[in-house]
Amino acid sequence: MTEAQPSVTPVAVKYGLITALVGIVYSLILMVTDLGDNRILSSIGYVIMIVGIVLAMKQYKSINYGYMSYGQGLGIGSLVSVIFGFLSGIFTWLYTTFVDPDYMARMMEKQRVELLEQGLSDEQIDASMKIAENFQGPFTMIFGAAVITLIVGFILSLIIAAVMKNSRPEFE
């Protein structure tokens, strides 16, 4: 007789919410200090997500007697990632719409200067800016963040789950 394994969903949702909260606070600090365009500081958001995925997998293993299959780990990591991305997208949209409506314009201007420094023509810069403007609506901000974060989180979860898995023995 085998015992029922706990569901991955409650653990993943819990850590998805916690990770999103930490990520949102970090993003808020970057936005308020006008450092949101710093690639190094912005990439720390992915470190926050990785830590959340690892902690979620460790938590699941602890409630499942030390066991976690590769698929369970992949599911946990993916769910943590999509929650993180979705809530981060909502936060970004709310912040840039209601708290600091000029934030996106400042980021676009910084991007324009970077493109000029790279030697792009005015036509190329205008085309790039037009494409970037298409991603500033609420739908693309929220769901785009969720999808992109899910893809990155899925790839990271492939690696993390492979390292952290501990499958149950076949004949227990």
N, C-alpha and C. Protein backbone atom coordinates (compact mmCIF):
# COMPACT_ATOMS: atom_id res chain seq x y z
N MET A 1 0.84 -1.18 0.00
CA MET A 1 0.00 0.00 0.00
C MET A 1 0.89 1.25 0.00
N THR A 2 0.65 2.12 -0.93
CA THR A 2 1.44 3.35 -0.99
C THR A 2 0.63 4.51 -0.44
N GLU A 3 1.31 5.42 0.20
CA GLU A 3 0.64 6.59 0.75
C GLU A 3 0.54 7.68 -0.30
N ALA A 4 -0.48 8.50 -0.17
CA ALA A 4 -0.69 9.57 -1.14
C ALA A 4 0.40 10.64 -0.98
N GLN A 5 0.87 11.12 -2.12
CA GLN A 5 1.87 12.17 -2.09
C GLN A 5 1.17 13.52 -1.98
N PRO A 6 1.81 14.46 -1.27
CA PRO A 6 1.19 15.79 -1.18
C PRO A 6 1.20 16.49 -2.54
N SER A 7 0.27 17.41 -2.71
CA SER A 7 0.17 18.17 -3.95
C SER A 7 1.28 19.22 -4.01
N VAL A 8 1.77 19.46 -5.21
CA VAL A 8 2.80 20.48 -5.39
C VAL A 8 2.19 21.89 -5.40
N THR A 9 0.90 21.98 -5.70
CA THR A 9 0.26 23.29 -5.89
C THR A 9 0.32 24.20 -4.66
N PRO A 10 -0.07 23.74 -3.46
CA PRO A 10 -0.02 24.68 -2.31
C PRO A 10 1.38 25.21 -2.02
N VAL A 11 2.37 24.35 -2.15
CA VAL A 11 3.75 24.78 -1.90
C VAL A 11 4.18 25.79 -2.96
N ALA A 12 3.88 25.49 -4.22
CA ALA A 12 4.28 26.38 -5.31
C ALA A 12 3.56 27.73 -5.22
N VAL A 13 2.28 27.72 -4.88
CA VAL A 13 1.53 28.97 -4.75
C VAL A 13 2.09 29.81 -3.60
N LYS A 14 2.34 29.15 -2.46
CA LYS A 14 2.90 29.86 -1.30
C LYS A 14 4.22 30.54 -1.66
N TYR A 15 5.13 29.78 -2.26
CA TYR A 15 6.44 30.35 -2.59
C TYR A 15 6.37 31.29 -3.78
N GLY A 16 5.42 31.08 -4.68
CA GLY A 16 5.22 32.02 -5.77
C GLY A 16 4.81 33.39 -5.24
N LEU A 17 3.89 33.39 -4.25
CA LEU A 17 3.44 34.65 -3.66
C LEU A 17 4.55 35.32 -2.86
N ILE A 18 5.28 34.54 -2.08
CA ILE A 18 6.38 35.10 -1.28
C ILE A 18 7.47 35.66 -2.20
N THR A 19 7.84 34.89 -3.22
CA THR A 19 8.87 35.31 -4.15
C THR A 19 8.44 36.57 -4.91
N ALA A 20 7.17 36.60 -5.33
CA ALA A 20 6.65 37.78 -6.03
C ALA A 20 6.69 39.01 -5.13
N LEU A 21 6.33 38.84 -3.86
CA LEU A 21 6.36 39.96 -2.93
C LEU A 21 7.78 40.51 -2.78
N VAL A 22 8.74 39.62 -2.61
CA VAL A 22 10.14 40.05 -2.49
C VAL A 22 10.59 40.73 -3.78
N GLY A 23 10.24 40.13 -4.92
CA GLY A 23 10.61 40.71 -6.21
C GLY A 23 9.98 42.07 -6.45
N ILE A 24 8.72 42.23 -6.02
CA ILE A 24 8.03 43.51 -6.19
C ILE A 24 8.67 44.59 -5.33
N VAL A 25 9.00 44.25 -4.10
CA VAL A 25 9.67 45.22 -3.23
C VAL A 25 11.01 45.62 -3.84
N TYR A 26 11.74 44.65 -4.36
CA TYR A 26 13.03 44.95 -4.99
C TYR A 26 12.82 45.83 -6.23
N SER A 27 11.84 45.50 -7.06
CA SER A 27 11.54 46.31 -8.25
C SER A 27 11.14 47.73 -7.87
N LEU A 28 10.35 47.84 -6.82
CA LEU A 28 9.93 49.17 -6.35
C LEU A 28 11.14 50.00 -5.98
N ILE A 29 12.09 49.39 -5.28
CA ILE A 29 13.31 50.11 -4.89
C ILE A 29 14.06 50.57 -6.15
N LEU A 30 14.18 49.68 -7.14
CA LEU A 30 14.87 50.04 -8.39
C LEU A 30 14.15 51.17 -9.12
N MET A 31 12.83 51.11 -9.15
CA MET A 31 12.07 52.12 -9.88
C MET A 31 12.11 53.47 -9.18
N VAL A 32 11.98 53.47 -7.88
CA VAL A 32 11.98 54.72 -7.12
C VAL A 32 13.35 55.40 -7.21
N THR A 33 14.41 54.60 -7.20
CA THR A 33 15.76 55.15 -7.29
C THR A 33 16.20 55.38 -8.74
N ASP A 34 15.30 55.11 -9.68
CA ASP A 34 15.55 55.30 -11.11
C ASP A 34 16.70 54.44 -11.61
N LEU A 35 16.81 53.23 -11.06
CA LEU A 35 17.85 52.28 -11.48
C LEU A 35 17.27 51.11 -12.24
N GLY A 36 16.01 51.23 -12.68
CA GLY A 36 15.34 50.14 -13.38
C GLY A 36 15.98 49.74 -14.69
N ASP A 37 16.80 50.61 -15.27
CA ASP A 37 17.44 50.29 -16.53
C ASP A 37 18.84 49.68 -16.34
N ASN A 38 19.28 49.54 -15.10
CA ASN A 38 20.58 48.93 -14.81
C ASN A 38 20.44 47.41 -14.97
N ARG A 39 21.09 46.86 -15.99
CA ARG A 39 20.92 45.44 -16.32
C ARG A 39 21.40 44.52 -15.19
N ILE A 40 22.49 44.88 -14.55
CA ILE A 40 23.03 44.05 -13.48
C ILE A 40 22.06 44.01 -12.30
N LEU A 41 21.60 45.19 -11.87
CA LEU A 41 20.67 45.24 -10.75
C LEU A 41 19.33 44.60 -11.10
N SER A 42 18.88 44.78 -12.33
CA SER A 42 17.61 44.18 -12.75
C SER A 42 17.69 42.66 -12.81
N SER A 43 18.85 42.12 -13.15
CA SER A 43 18.99 40.67 -13.24
C SER A 43 18.93 40.00 -11.87
N ILE A 44 19.07 40.77 -10.80
CA ILE A 44 18.94 40.20 -9.45
C ILE A 44 17.51 39.70 -9.23
N GLY A 45 16.57 40.24 -9.99
CA GLY A 45 15.20 39.72 -9.93
C GLY A 45 15.14 38.24 -10.27
N TYR A 46 15.99 37.80 -11.20
CA TYR A 46 16.03 36.38 -11.54
C TYR A 46 16.68 35.57 -10.42
N VAL A 47 17.63 36.16 -9.72
CA VAL A 47 18.22 35.49 -8.56
C VAL A 47 17.14 35.28 -7.50
N ILE A 48 16.30 36.28 -7.30
CA ILE A 48 15.19 36.16 -6.35
C ILE A 48 14.28 35.01 -6.76
N MET A 49 13.98 34.91 -8.06
CA MET A 49 13.13 33.83 -8.54
C MET A 49 13.79 32.47 -8.34
N ILE A 50 15.08 32.36 -8.61
CA ILE A 50 15.80 31.10 -8.42
C ILE A 50 15.74 30.68 -6.96
N VAL A 51 15.98 31.62 -6.06
CA VAL A 51 15.92 31.31 -4.62
C VAL A 51 14.52 30.82 -4.24
N GLY A 52 13.50 31.48 -4.77
CA GLY A 52 12.12 31.06 -4.50
C GLY A 52 11.84 29.65 -4.99
N ILE A 53 12.33 29.32 -6.17
CA ILE A 53 12.13 27.98 -6.73
C ILE A 53 12.84 26.93 -5.87
N VAL A 54 14.08 27.22 -5.50
CA VAL A 54 14.85 26.27 -4.67
C VAL A 54 14.17 26.07 -3.32
N LEU A 55 13.74 27.15 -2.69
CA LEU A 55 13.07 27.03 -1.38
C LEU A 55 11.76 26.26 -1.50
N ALA A 56 11.02 26.48 -2.57
CA ALA A 56 9.77 25.75 -2.77
C ALA A 56 10.04 24.25 -2.93
N MET A 57 11.05 23.91 -3.71
CA MET A 57 11.39 22.50 -3.89
C MET A 57 11.86 21.86 -2.60
N LYS A 58 12.66 22.60 -1.83
CA LYS A 58 13.11 22.07 -0.53
C LYS A 58 11.92 21.85 0.41
N GLN A 59 10.98 22.80 0.41
CA GLN A 59 9.79 22.66 1.24
C GLN A 59 8.98 21.44 0.82
N TYR A 60 8.80 21.25 -0.47
CA TYR A 60 8.04 20.10 -0.95
C TYR A 60 8.72 18.81 -0.54
N LYS A 61 10.03 18.74 -0.71
CA LYS A 61 10.76 17.53 -0.32
C LYS A 61 10.60 17.26 1.17
N SER A 62 10.58 18.31 1.98
CA SER A 62 10.47 18.10 3.43
C SER A 62 9.09 17.56 3.82
N ILE A 63 8.04 17.94 3.11
CA ILE A 63 6.71 17.40 3.45
C ILE A 63 6.43 16.08 2.74
N ASN A 64 7.30 15.69 1.81
CA ASN A 64 7.14 14.44 1.07
C ASN A 64 8.23 13.44 1.44
N TYR A 65 8.66 13.48 2.69
CA TYR A 65 9.62 12.52 3.24
C TYR A 65 10.95 12.50 2.49
N GLY A 66 11.35 13.66 1.96
CA GLY A 66 12.64 13.76 1.28
C GLY A 66 12.61 13.43 -0.20
N TYR A 67 11.43 13.12 -0.72
CA TYR A 67 11.33 12.73 -2.12
C TYR A 67 10.70 13.84 -2.97
N MET A 68 11.18 13.95 -4.20
CA MET A 68 10.59 14.84 -5.19
C MET A 68 11.03 14.32 -6.56
N SER A 69 10.08 14.00 -7.41
CA SER A 69 10.42 13.55 -8.75
C SER A 69 10.83 14.75 -9.60
N TYR A 70 11.41 14.44 -10.74
CA TYR A 70 11.82 15.49 -11.67
C TYR A 70 10.60 16.28 -12.13
N GLY A 71 9.52 15.60 -12.45
CA GLY A 71 8.29 16.25 -12.91
C GLY A 71 7.67 17.13 -11.85
N GLN A 72 7.69 16.66 -10.60
CA GLN A 72 7.16 17.49 -9.51
C GLN A 72 7.99 18.76 -9.36
N GLY A 73 9.30 18.63 -9.43
CA GLY A 73 10.17 19.80 -9.33
C GLY A 73 9.94 20.77 -10.47
N LEU A 74 9.76 20.23 -11.66
CA LEU A 74 9.50 21.07 -12.83
C LEU A 74 8.16 21.81 -12.67
N GLY A 75 7.16 21.11 -12.15
CA GLY A 75 5.85 21.73 -11.92
C GLY A 75 5.93 22.83 -10.87
N ILE A 76 6.63 22.56 -9.79
CA ILE A 76 6.79 23.56 -8.72
C ILE A 76 7.48 24.80 -9.28
N GLY A 77 8.60 24.61 -9.95
CA GLY A 77 9.36 25.74 -10.49
C GLY A 77 8.57 26.55 -11.50
N SER A 78 7.83 25.87 -12.35
CA SER A 78 7.04 26.56 -13.37
C SER A 78 5.92 27.37 -12.74
N LEU A 79 5.25 26.80 -11.75
CA LEU A 79 4.15 27.51 -11.09
C LEU A 79 4.67 28.71 -10.29
N VAL A 80 5.77 28.54 -9.58
CA VAL A 80 6.39 29.67 -8.88
C VAL A 80 6.73 30.77 -9.87
N SER A 81 7.28 30.40 -11.01
CA SER A 81 7.69 31.38 -12.01
C SER A 81 6.52 32.15 -12.60
N VAL A 82 5.44 31.45 -12.94
CA VAL A 82 4.31 32.13 -13.57
C VAL A 82 3.62 33.06 -12.58
N ILE A 83 3.53 32.67 -11.32
CA ILE A 83 2.95 33.54 -10.29
C ILE A 83 3.83 34.76 -10.11
N PHE A 84 5.14 34.54 -10.02
CA PHE A 84 6.10 35.63 -9.89
C PHE A 84 5.96 36.61 -11.06
N GLY A 85 5.92 36.10 -12.28
CA GLY A 85 5.83 36.95 -13.45
C GLY A 85 4.51 37.69 -13.56
N PHE A 86 3.42 37.00 -13.27
CA PHE A 86 2.10 37.61 -13.37
C PHE A 86 1.95 38.75 -12.36
N LEU A 87 2.32 38.50 -11.11
CA LEU A 87 2.20 39.54 -10.09
C LEU A 87 3.19 40.68 -10.33
N SER A 88 4.37 40.37 -10.82
CA SER A 88 5.34 41.42 -11.15
C SER A 88 4.82 42.28 -12.30
N GLY A 89 4.17 41.65 -13.27
CA GLY A 89 3.58 42.39 -14.38
C GLY A 89 2.47 43.32 -13.92
N ILE A 90 1.63 42.82 -13.02
CA ILE A 90 0.56 43.67 -12.47
C ILE A 90 1.17 44.86 -11.73
N PHE A 91 2.18 44.58 -10.91
CA PHE A 91 2.83 45.66 -10.17
C PHE A 91 3.42 46.69 -11.13
N THR A 92 4.14 46.25 -12.15
CA THR A 92 4.78 47.18 -13.09
C THR A 92 3.73 48.03 -13.78
N TRP A 93 2.65 47.41 -14.21
CA TRP A 93 1.58 48.17 -14.88
C TRP A 93 0.97 49.19 -13.92
N LEU A 94 0.66 48.78 -12.69
CA LEU A 94 0.07 49.71 -11.72
C LEU A 94 1.04 50.86 -11.42
N TYR A 95 2.30 50.53 -11.22
CA TYR A 95 3.29 51.56 -10.89
C TYR A 95 3.44 52.56 -12.04
N THR A 96 3.59 52.05 -13.26
CA THR A 96 3.84 52.95 -14.39
C THR A 96 2.58 53.66 -14.86
N THR A 97 1.42 53.20 -14.45
CA THR A 97 0.17 53.85 -14.84
C THR A 97 -0.30 54.86 -13.81
N PHE A 98 -0.21 54.50 -12.53
CA PHE A 98 -0.81 55.34 -11.49
C PHE A 98 0.19 56.04 -10.58
N VAL A 99 1.29 55.40 -10.25
CA VAL A 99 2.24 55.98 -9.30
C VAL A 99 3.23 56.92 -10.00
N ASP A 100 3.83 56.45 -11.08
CA ASP A 100 4.83 57.24 -11.80
C ASP A 100 4.59 57.12 -13.30
N PRO A 101 3.60 57.85 -13.83
CA PRO A 101 3.27 57.73 -15.26
C PRO A 101 4.40 58.15 -16.19
N ASP A 102 5.36 58.92 -15.71
CA ASP A 102 6.48 59.35 -16.54
C ASP A 102 7.63 58.34 -16.58
N TYR A 103 7.53 57.30 -15.78
CA TYR A 103 8.61 56.31 -15.68
C TYR A 103 8.96 55.71 -17.04
N MET A 104 7.95 55.26 -17.78
CA MET A 104 8.21 54.62 -19.08
C MET A 104 8.82 55.62 -20.07
N ALA A 105 8.38 56.86 -20.03
CA ALA A 105 8.95 57.87 -20.93
C ALA A 105 10.43 58.09 -20.62
N ARG A 106 10.78 58.10 -19.33
CA ARG A 106 12.20 58.24 -18.96
C ARG A 106 13.01 57.05 -19.43
N MET A 107 12.47 55.85 -19.29
CA MET A 107 13.18 54.65 -19.73
C MET A 107 13.33 54.64 -21.26
N MET A 108 12.29 55.10 -21.95
CA MET A 108 12.35 55.15 -23.42
C MET A 108 13.41 56.15 -23.87
N GLU A 109 13.50 57.28 -23.17
CA GLU A 109 14.51 58.28 -23.53
C GLU A 109 15.92 57.74 -23.27
N LYS A 110 16.11 57.02 -22.17
CA LYS A 110 17.41 56.40 -21.90
C LYS A 110 17.75 55.38 -22.99
N GLN A 111 16.75 54.63 -23.42
CA GLN A 111 16.96 53.65 -24.49
C GLN A 111 17.32 54.34 -25.79
N ARG A 112 16.66 55.45 -26.09
CA ARG A 112 16.95 56.22 -27.30
C ARG A 112 18.41 56.70 -27.30
N VAL A 113 18.89 57.19 -26.15
CA VAL A 113 20.27 57.66 -26.03
C VAL A 113 21.24 56.49 -26.25
N GLU A 114 20.93 55.32 -25.67
CA GLU A 114 21.79 54.15 -25.85
C GLU A 114 21.88 53.76 -27.32
N LEU A 115 20.73 53.79 -28.00
CA LEU A 115 20.72 53.43 -29.42
C LEU A 115 21.51 54.44 -30.26
N LEU A 116 21.42 55.72 -29.89
CA LEU A 116 22.21 56.75 -30.58
C LEU A 116 23.70 56.49 -30.39
N GLU A 117 24.10 56.16 -29.17
CA GLU A 117 25.50 55.88 -28.87
C GLU A 117 26.02 54.66 -29.62
N GLN A 118 25.10 53.73 -29.95
CA GLN A 118 25.49 52.54 -30.71
C GLN A 118 25.62 52.84 -32.20
N GLY A 119 25.22 54.04 -32.60
CA GLY A 119 25.39 54.45 -33.98
C GLY A 119 24.23 54.12 -34.90
N LEU A 120 23.06 53.84 -34.34
CA LEU A 120 21.90 53.54 -35.18
C LEU A 120 21.37 54.82 -35.81
N SER A 121 20.75 54.67 -36.98
CA SER A 121 20.18 55.84 -37.66
C SER A 121 18.87 56.24 -36.97
N ASP A 122 18.41 57.46 -37.29
CA ASP A 122 17.16 57.95 -36.71
C ASP A 122 15.99 57.05 -37.08
N GLU A 123 15.98 56.52 -38.31
CA GLU A 123 14.90 55.64 -38.74
C GLU A 123 14.90 54.35 -37.93
N GLN A 124 16.08 53.78 -37.69
CA GLN A 124 16.18 52.54 -36.91
C GLN A 124 15.75 52.79 -35.47
N ILE A 125 16.15 53.92 -34.91
CA ILE A 125 15.78 54.24 -33.53
C ILE A 125 14.28 54.43 -33.43
N ASP A 126 13.69 55.17 -34.38
CA ASP A 126 12.24 55.38 -34.36
C ASP A 126 11.48 54.06 -34.47
N ALA A 127 11.96 53.16 -35.32
CA ALA A 127 11.33 51.85 -35.46
C ALA A 127 11.42 51.06 -34.15
N SER A 128 12.57 51.11 -33.49
CA SER A 128 12.74 50.42 -32.21
C SER A 128 11.82 51.00 -31.14
N MET A 129 11.72 52.30 -31.11
CA MET A 129 10.86 52.97 -30.13
C MET A 129 9.39 52.62 -30.37
N LYS A 130 9.00 52.51 -31.63
CA LYS A 130 7.63 52.17 -31.99
C LYS A 130 7.30 50.76 -31.50
N ILE A 131 8.23 49.84 -31.69
CA ILE A 131 8.03 48.46 -31.22
C ILE A 131 7.92 48.44 -29.70
N ALA A 132 8.79 49.18 -29.02
CA ALA A 132 8.77 49.22 -27.56
C ALA A 132 7.46 49.80 -27.03
N GLU A 133 6.91 50.79 -27.73
CA GLU A 133 5.63 51.39 -27.30
C GLU A 133 4.49 50.39 -27.35
N ASN A 134 4.57 49.42 -28.27
CA ASN A 134 3.53 48.40 -28.38
C ASN A 134 3.46 47.49 -27.15
N PHE A 135 4.53 47.45 -26.37
CA PHE A 135 4.58 46.58 -25.19
C PHE A 135 4.26 47.32 -23.89
N GLN A 136 3.65 48.49 -23.99
CA GLN A 136 3.37 49.27 -22.79
C GLN A 136 1.92 49.22 -22.35
N GLY A 137 1.08 48.47 -23.04
CA GLY A 137 -0.31 48.35 -22.63
C GLY A 137 -0.45 47.39 -21.47
N PRO A 138 -1.58 47.43 -20.75
CA PRO A 138 -1.75 46.56 -19.59
C PRO A 138 -1.70 45.08 -19.94
N PHE A 139 -2.34 44.70 -21.04
CA PHE A 139 -2.36 43.28 -21.40
C PHE A 139 -0.95 42.76 -21.68
N THR A 140 -0.20 43.48 -22.50
CA THR A 140 1.15 43.02 -22.84
C THR A 140 2.10 43.12 -21.65
N MET A 141 1.89 44.10 -20.80
CA MET A 141 2.76 44.23 -19.63
C MET A 141 2.54 43.07 -18.66
N ILE A 142 1.28 42.75 -18.39
CA ILE A 142 0.96 41.72 -17.39
C ILE A 142 1.22 40.33 -17.95
N PHE A 143 0.58 40.01 -19.07
CA PHE A 143 0.70 38.66 -19.61
C PHE A 143 2.05 38.43 -20.29
N GLY A 144 2.63 39.47 -20.84
CA GLY A 144 3.97 39.34 -21.40
C GLY A 144 4.98 39.00 -20.32
N ALA A 145 4.87 39.68 -19.18
CA ALA A 145 5.77 39.38 -18.06
C ALA A 145 5.56 37.95 -17.57
N ALA A 146 4.30 37.52 -17.49
CA ALA A 146 4.01 36.16 -17.03
C ALA A 146 4.59 35.12 -17.99
N VAL A 147 4.42 35.32 -19.28
CA VAL A 147 4.89 34.34 -20.26
C VAL A 147 6.42 34.31 -20.32
N ILE A 148 7.03 35.48 -20.36
CA ILE A 148 8.50 35.52 -20.42
C ILE A 148 9.11 34.92 -19.15
N THR A 149 8.54 35.25 -18.00
CA THR A 149 9.05 34.71 -16.74
C THR A 149 8.80 33.21 -16.66
N LEU A 150 7.67 32.75 -17.19
CA LEU A 150 7.40 31.31 -17.22
C LEU A 150 8.45 30.59 -18.08
N ILE A 151 8.77 31.14 -19.23
CA ILE A 151 9.77 30.50 -20.10
C ILE A 151 11.13 30.43 -19.41
N VAL A 152 11.56 31.55 -18.85
CA VAL A 152 12.85 31.58 -18.15
C VAL A 152 12.79 30.65 -16.93
N GLY A 153 11.70 30.72 -16.17
CA GLY A 153 11.55 29.87 -14.99
C GLY A 153 11.50 28.40 -15.34
N PHE A 154 10.88 28.06 -16.46
CA PHE A 154 10.83 26.67 -16.90
C PHE A 154 12.23 26.15 -17.20
N ILE A 155 13.01 26.95 -17.90
CA ILE A 155 14.38 26.56 -18.23
C ILE A 155 15.21 26.40 -16.96
N LEU A 156 15.07 27.37 -16.05
CA LEU A 156 15.79 27.27 -14.77
C LEU A 156 15.32 26.06 -13.97
N SER A 157 14.02 25.80 -14.00
CA SER A 157 13.46 24.66 -13.26
C SER A 157 13.94 23.33 -13.82
N LEU A 158 14.19 23.27 -15.12
CA LEU A 158 14.76 22.05 -15.70
C LEU A 158 16.08 21.70 -15.02
N ILE A 159 16.88 22.72 -14.80
CA ILE A 159 18.20 22.53 -14.19
C ILE A 159 18.08 22.27 -12.69
N ILE A 160 17.30 23.13 -12.02
CA ILE A 160 17.18 23.02 -10.56
C ILE A 160 16.54 21.69 -10.17
N ALA A 161 15.48 21.27 -10.88
CA ALA A 161 14.82 20.01 -10.56
C ALA A 161 15.74 18.82 -10.80
N ALA A 162 16.58 18.90 -11.82
CA ALA A 162 17.53 17.81 -12.09
C ALA A 162 18.52 17.66 -10.94
N VAL A 163 18.91 18.78 -10.35
CA VAL A 163 19.86 18.74 -9.24
C VAL A 163 19.18 18.29 -7.95
N MET A 164 17.96 18.76 -7.72
CA MET A 164 17.31 18.54 -6.43
C MET A 164 16.42 17.30 -6.36
N LYS A 165 16.18 16.63 -7.47
CA LYS A 165 15.24 15.50 -7.46
C LYS A 165 15.78 14.37 -6.58
N ASN A 166 14.86 13.66 -6.02
CA ASN A 166 15.17 12.47 -5.24
C ASN A 166 13.95 11.57 -5.35
N SER A 167 13.96 10.73 -6.37
CA SER A 167 12.80 9.88 -6.66
C SER A 167 12.65 8.78 -5.64
N ARG A 168 11.40 8.38 -5.42
CA ARG A 168 11.13 7.23 -4.53
C ARG A 168 11.68 5.96 -5.17
N PRO A 169 12.16 5.05 -4.36
CA PRO A 169 12.60 3.76 -4.91
C PRO A 169 11.40 3.04 -5.56
N GLU A 170 11.67 2.27 -6.61
CA GLU A 170 10.62 1.58 -7.33
C GLU A 170 9.83 0.62 -6.44
N PHE A 171 10.52 -0.18 -5.68
CA PHE A 171 9.86 -1.22 -4.88
C PHE A 171 10.03 -0.92 -3.41
N GLU A 172 9.19 -0.06 -2.92
CA GLU A 172 9.30 0.36 -1.51
C GLU A 172 8.31 -0.38 -0.67
